[in-house]
C-alpha atoms as a PDB file:
ATOM      1  CA  MET A   1      -2.100  -3.497  17.613  1.00  0.00           C
ATOM      2  CA  ALA A   2      -1.275  -1.481  14.506  1.00  0.00           C
ATOM      3  CA  VAL A   3       2.046   0.250  13.890  1.00  0.00           C
ATOM      4  CA  GLN A   4       2.233   3.420  11.811  1.00  0.00           C
ATOM      5  CA  VAL A   5       4.400   3.093   8.695  1.00  0.00           C
ATOM      6  CA  GLU A   6       5.554   5.262   5.832  1.00  0.00           C
ATOM      7  CA  LEU A   7       6.781   4.612   2.349  1.00  0.00           C
ATOM      8  CA  SER A   8      10.566   4.462   2.521  1.00  0.00           C
ATOM      9  CA  ARG A   9      11.286   3.650  -1.122  1.00  0.00           C
ATOM     10  CA  ILE A  10       9.834   2.492  -4.392  1.00  0.00           C
ATOM     11  CA  LEU A  11      11.682   0.411  -6.958  1.00  0.00           C
ATOM     12  CA  ILE A  12      10.298   0.732 -10.474  1.00  0.00           C
ATOM     13  CA  ARG A  13      11.813  -1.598 -13.045  1.00  0.00           C
ATOM     14  CA  GLU A  14      10.520  -1.276 -16.573  1.00  0.00           C
ATOM     15  CA  VAL A  15      11.727  -4.741 -17.624  1.00  0.00           C
ATOM     16  CA  THR A  16       9.178  -6.546 -15.441  1.00  0.00           C
ATOM     17  CA  ASP A  17       5.655  -6.053 -14.140  1.00  0.00           C
ATOM     18  CA  ALA A  18       6.802  -6.714 -10.553  1.00  0.00           C
ATOM     19  CA  GLN A  19       7.503  -3.423  -8.814  1.00  0.00           C
ATOM     20  CA  ILE A  20       8.575  -3.220  -5.178  1.00  0.00           C
ATOM     21  CA  ILE A  21       7.717  -0.766  -2.444  1.00  0.00           C
ATOM     22  CA  GLU A  22       9.253  -0.750   0.990  1.00  0.00           C
ATOM     23  CA  LEU A  23       7.394   0.405   4.078  1.00  0.00           C
ATOM     24  CA  ARG A  24       9.163   1.415   7.300  1.00  0.00           C
ATOM     25  CA  GLU A  25       7.663   1.808  10.730  1.00  0.00           C
ATOM     26  CA  ILE A  26       7.727   5.441  11.823  1.00  0.00           C
ATOM     27  CA  ASP A  27       8.792   4.936  15.449  1.00  0.00           C
ATOM     28  CA  GLY A  28      11.069   1.968  14.857  1.00  0.00           C
ATOM     29  CA  GLU A  29      13.469   0.280  12.511  1.00  0.00           C
ATOM     30  CA  ARG A  30      11.428  -2.536  10.939  1.00  0.00           C
ATOM     31  CA  THR A  31      10.833  -2.512   7.198  1.00  0.00           C
ATOM     32  CA  PHE A  32       9.164  -4.856   4.751  1.00  0.00           C
ATOM     33  CA  SER A  33       8.603  -5.016   1.027  1.00  0.00           C
ATOM     34  CA  ILE A  34       5.457  -5.548  -1.006  1.00  0.00           C
ATOM     35  CA  VAL A  35       5.399  -6.455  -4.678  1.00  0.00           C
ATOM     36  CA  ILE A  36       2.922  -4.326  -6.620  1.00  0.00           C
ATOM     37  CA  GLY A  37       1.883  -3.860 -10.230  1.00  0.00           C
ATOM     38  CA  MET A  38       3.119  -1.237 -12.643  1.00  0.00           C
ATOM     39  CA  PRO A  39      -0.051   0.968 -12.618  1.00  0.00           C
ATOM     40  CA  GLU A  40       0.006   1.266  -8.825  1.00  0.00           C
ATOM     41  CA  ALA A  41       3.750   1.955  -8.816  1.00  0.00           C
ATOM     42  CA  TYR A  42       3.304   4.738 -11.364  1.00  0.00           C
ATOM     43  CA  ALA A  43       0.368   6.176  -9.383  1.00  0.00           C
ATOM     44  CA  ILE A  44       2.503   6.271  -6.236  1.00  0.00           C
ATOM     45  CA  GLU A  45       5.440   7.782  -8.106  1.00  0.00           C
ATOM     46  CA  ARG A  46       3.204  10.501  -9.623  1.00  0.00           C
ATOM     47  CA  SER A  47       1.938  11.420  -6.160  1.00  0.00           C
ATOM     48  CA  LEU A  48       5.440  11.552  -4.715  1.00  0.00           C
ATOM     49  CA  LYS A  49       6.564  13.821  -7.540  1.00  0.00           C
ATOM     50  CA  SER A  50       3.355  15.939  -7.390  1.00  0.00           C
ATOM     51  CA  ILE A  51       2.569  15.163 -11.032  1.00  0.00           C
ATOM     52  CA  GLU A  52      -1.095  15.725 -11.830  1.00  0.00           C
ATOM     53  CA  PRO A  53      -2.442  13.502 -14.630  1.00  0.00           C
ATOM     54  CA  PRO A  54      -4.643  15.258 -17.178  1.00  0.00           C
ATOM     55  CA  ARG A  55      -7.668  13.219 -16.051  1.00  0.00           C
ATOM     56  CA  PRO A  56      -8.454  11.602 -12.686  1.00  0.00           C
ATOM     57  CA  GLN A  57      -6.947   8.157 -12.230  1.00  0.00           C
ATOM     58  CA  THR A  58      -8.781   5.277 -10.536  1.00  0.00           C
ATOM     59  CA  HIS A  59      -7.269   6.083  -7.135  1.00  0.00           C
ATOM     60  CA  ASP A  60      -8.396   9.703  -7.464  1.00  0.00           C
ATOM     61  CA  LEU A  61     -11.865   8.514  -8.459  1.00  0.00           C
ATOM     62  CA  ILE A  62     -12.183   6.373  -5.347  1.00  0.00           C
ATOM     63  CA  ALA A  63     -11.169   9.248  -3.063  1.00  0.00           C
ATOM     64  CA  SER A  64     -13.559  11.584  -4.896  1.00  0.00           C
ATOM     65  CA  ILE A  65     -16.473   9.159  -4.497  1.00  0.00           C
ATOM     66  CA  ILE A  66     -15.810   8.868  -0.759  1.00  0.00           C
ATOM     67  CA  THR A  67     -15.722  12.666  -0.430  1.00  0.00           C
ATOM     68  CA  HIS A  68     -18.897  13.125  -2.487  1.00  0.00           C
ATOM     69  CA  LEU A  69     -20.673  10.615  -0.257  1.00  0.00           C
ATOM     70  CA  GLY A  70     -19.866  12.787   2.750  1.00  0.00           C
ATOM     71  CA  GLY A  71     -16.973  10.735   4.043  1.00  0.00           C
ATOM     72  CA  PHE A  72     -13.228  10.961   4.333  1.00  0.00           C
ATOM     73  CA  LEU A  73     -10.381   8.472   4.413  1.00  0.00           C
ATOM     74  CA  HIS A  74      -9.230   8.153   7.988  1.00  0.00           C
ATOM     75  CA  GLN A  75      -6.427   5.614   7.570  1.00  0.00           C
ATOM     76  CA  ILE A  76      -5.033   2.682   5.626  1.00  0.00           C
ATOM     77  CA  VAL A  77      -4.443  -0.589   7.486  1.00  0.00           C
ATOM     78  CA  ILE A  78      -2.521  -3.581   6.160  1.00  0.00           C
ATOM     79  CA  ASP A  79      -4.148  -6.135   8.384  1.00  0.00           C
ATOM     80  CA  ASP A  80      -3.245  -9.609   7.175  1.00  0.00           C
ATOM     81  CA  LEU A  81      -0.612 -11.692   5.395  1.00  0.00           C
ATOM     82  CA  ARG A  82      -1.780 -15.113   4.240  1.00  0.00           C
ATOM     83  CA  ASP A  83       0.036 -17.429   1.854  1.00  0.00           C
ATOM     84  CA  GLY A  84       2.351 -14.627   0.752  1.00  0.00           C
ATOM     85  CA  THR A  85      -0.534 -12.237   0.018  1.00  0.00           C
ATOM     86  CA  TYR A  86      -1.019  -8.979   1.929  1.00  0.00           C
ATOM     87  CA  TYR A  87      -4.529  -7.721   2.718  1.00  0.00           C
ATOM     88  CA  ALA A  88      -5.532  -4.144   3.468  1.00  0.00           C
ATOM     89  CA  LYS A  89      -8.481  -1.983   4.419  1.00  0.00           C
ATOM     90  CA  LEU A  90      -9.392   1.597   3.637  1.00  0.00           C
ATOM     91  CA  ILE A  91     -10.882   3.006   6.830  1.00  0.00           C
ATOM     92  CA  MET A  92     -13.489   5.558   5.829  1.00  0.00           C
ATOM     93  CA  VAL A  93     -15.421   7.753   8.221  1.00  0.00           C
ATOM     94  CA  GLN A  94     -18.864   8.978   7.184  1.00  0.00           C
ATOM     95  CA  GLY A  95     -20.659  11.005   9.823  1.00  0.00           C
ATOM     96  CA  GLU A  96     -20.489   8.926  12.985  1.00  0.00           C
ATOM     97  CA  ASP A  97     -20.001   5.670  11.081  1.00  0.00           C
ATOM     98  CA  SER A  98     -16.710   4.010  10.276  1.00  0.00           C
ATOM     99  CA  HIS A  99     -16.376   1.618   7.335  1.00  0.00           C
ATOM    100  CA  ALA A 100     -13.528  -0.826   6.669  1.00  0.00           C
ATOM    101  CA  ILE A 101     -13.326  -1.418   2.917  1.00  0.00           C
ATOM    102  CA  ASP A 102     -11.306  -4.419   1.732  1.00  0.00           C
ATOM    103  CA  CYS A 103      -8.730  -3.609  -0.949  1.00  0.00           C
ATOM    104  CA  ARG A 104      -5.312  -4.524  -2.272  1.00  0.00           C
ATOM    105  CA  PRO A 105      -2.466  -2.927  -0.302  1.00  0.00           C
ATOM    106  CA  SER A 106      -1.062  -1.386  -3.488  1.00  0.00           C
ATOM    107  CA  ASP A 107      -4.324   0.455  -4.135  1.00  0.00           C
ATOM    108  CA  ALA A 108      -4.610   1.516  -0.500  1.00  0.00           C
ATOM    109  CA  ILE A 109      -1.043   2.820  -0.481  1.00  0.00           C
ATOM    110  CA  ALA A 110      -1.555   4.683  -3.770  1.00  0.00           C
ATOM    111  CA  ILE A 111      -4.639   6.395  -2.327  1.00  0.00           C
ATOM    112  CA  GLY A 112      -2.944   7.010   1.026  1.00  0.00           C
ATOM    113  CA  ILE A 113       0.142   8.615  -0.533  1.00  0.00           C
ATOM    114  CA  ALA A 114      -1.934  10.773  -2.883  1.00  0.00           C
ATOM    115  CA  HIS A 115      -4.191  12.083  -0.123  1.00  0.00           C
ATOM    116  CA  GLY A 116      -1.899  12.189   2.912  1.00  0.00           C
ATOM    117  CA  VAL A 117      -3.717   9.413   4.747  1.00  0.00           C
ATOM    118  CA  PRO A 118      -1.765   7.715   7.566  1.00  0.00           C
ATOM    119  CA  MET A 119      -0.837   4.077   6.967  1.00  0.00           C
ATOM    120  CA  PHE A 120      -0.706   1.351   9.592  1.00  0.00           C
ATOM    121  CA  VAL A 121       0.351  -2.305   9.636  1.00  0.00           C
ATOM    122  CA  GLU A 122      -0.863  -4.827  12.177  1.00  0.00           C
ATOM    123  CA  GLU A 123       1.898  -6.112  14.447  1.00  0.00           C
ATOM    124  CA  SER A 124       1.134  -9.703  13.405  1.00  0.00           C
ATOM    125  CA  VAL A 125       1.763  -8.766   9.755  1.00  0.00           C
ATOM    126  CA  LEU A 126       5.116  -7.198  10.633  1.00  0.00           C
ATOM    127  CA  ASP A 127       6.066 -10.343  12.559  1.00  0.00           C
ATOM    128  CA  GLU A 128       5.143 -12.561   9.597  1.00  0.00           C
ATOM    129  CA  ALA A 129       6.880 -10.264   7.107  1.00  0.00           C
ATOM    130  CA  GLU A 130      10.161 -10.518   9.006  1.00  0.00           C
ATOM    131  CA  ARG A 131      10.706 -13.777   7.159  1.00  0.00           C
ATOM    132  CA  ASN A 132      11.428 -12.039   3.867  1.00  0.00           C
ATOM    133  CA  PRO A 133      12.009 -14.356   0.862  1.00  0.00           C
ATOM    134  CA  PHE A 134      14.458 -11.804  -0.606  1.00  0.00           C
ATOM    135  CA  ASP A 135      16.721 -12.274   2.444  1.00  0.00           C
ATOM    136  CA  THR A 136      16.599 -16.077   2.518  1.00  0.00           C
ATOM    137  CA  GLY A 137      17.431 -16.635  -1.140  1.00  0.00           C
ATOM    138  CA  GLU A 138      14.143 -18.471  -1.718  1.00  0.00           C
ATOM    139  CA  CYS A 139      13.374 -16.254  -4.679  1.00  0.00           C
ATOM    140  CA  SER A 140      14.646 -13.167  -6.404  1.00  0.00           C
ATOM    141  CA  PRO A 141      12.770 -10.064  -7.585  1.00  0.00           C
ATOM    142  CA  ASP A 142      13.316 -11.138 -11.201  1.00  0.00           C
ATOM    143  CA  THR A 143      11.359 -14.367 -10.897  1.00  0.00           C
ATOM    144  CA  ASP A 144       7.642 -14.586 -11.533  1.00  0.00           C
ATOM    145  CA  GLN A 145       6.793 -16.288  -8.219  1.00  0.00           C
ATOM    146  CA  PHE A 146       4.926 -13.339  -6.721  1.00  0.00           C
ATOM    147  CA  ASP A 147       1.328 -13.149  -5.658  1.00  0.00           C
ATOM    148  CA  TRP A 148       0.459  -9.623  -6.830  1.00  0.00           C
ATOM    149  CA  ASP A 149      -0.606  -8.132  -3.456  1.00  0.00           C
END
């Protein structure tokens, strides 16, 4: 079962390529963090601040292609966490067909934030994410031990 989440905060640090976003379940109290790259973090930040780049960015291009093919983004689903790596799907509806397109969570979230698409996380992913390495002292955000999505 998938739980609806929202972006609760974004931490952009210019001294490292590892940026952190935190997602929070809408009808609950659970949160979890995902490490993302700088381009995705900036794309999310631009959307949150309603800053329009002079030319379409990659995330805008993807949404435009889906629209031009007669579809729309229905939802984003973070559906797996394996070996410290999150997996996501863009759920696109085209006519009566639904397509699940594999993508990095950071890209999915950037598209979802920019276009007001609801985001969901599978319950099993939330359960696995509860064991957060930031809380256990296993690593710190300044180390380079991250798998980039």
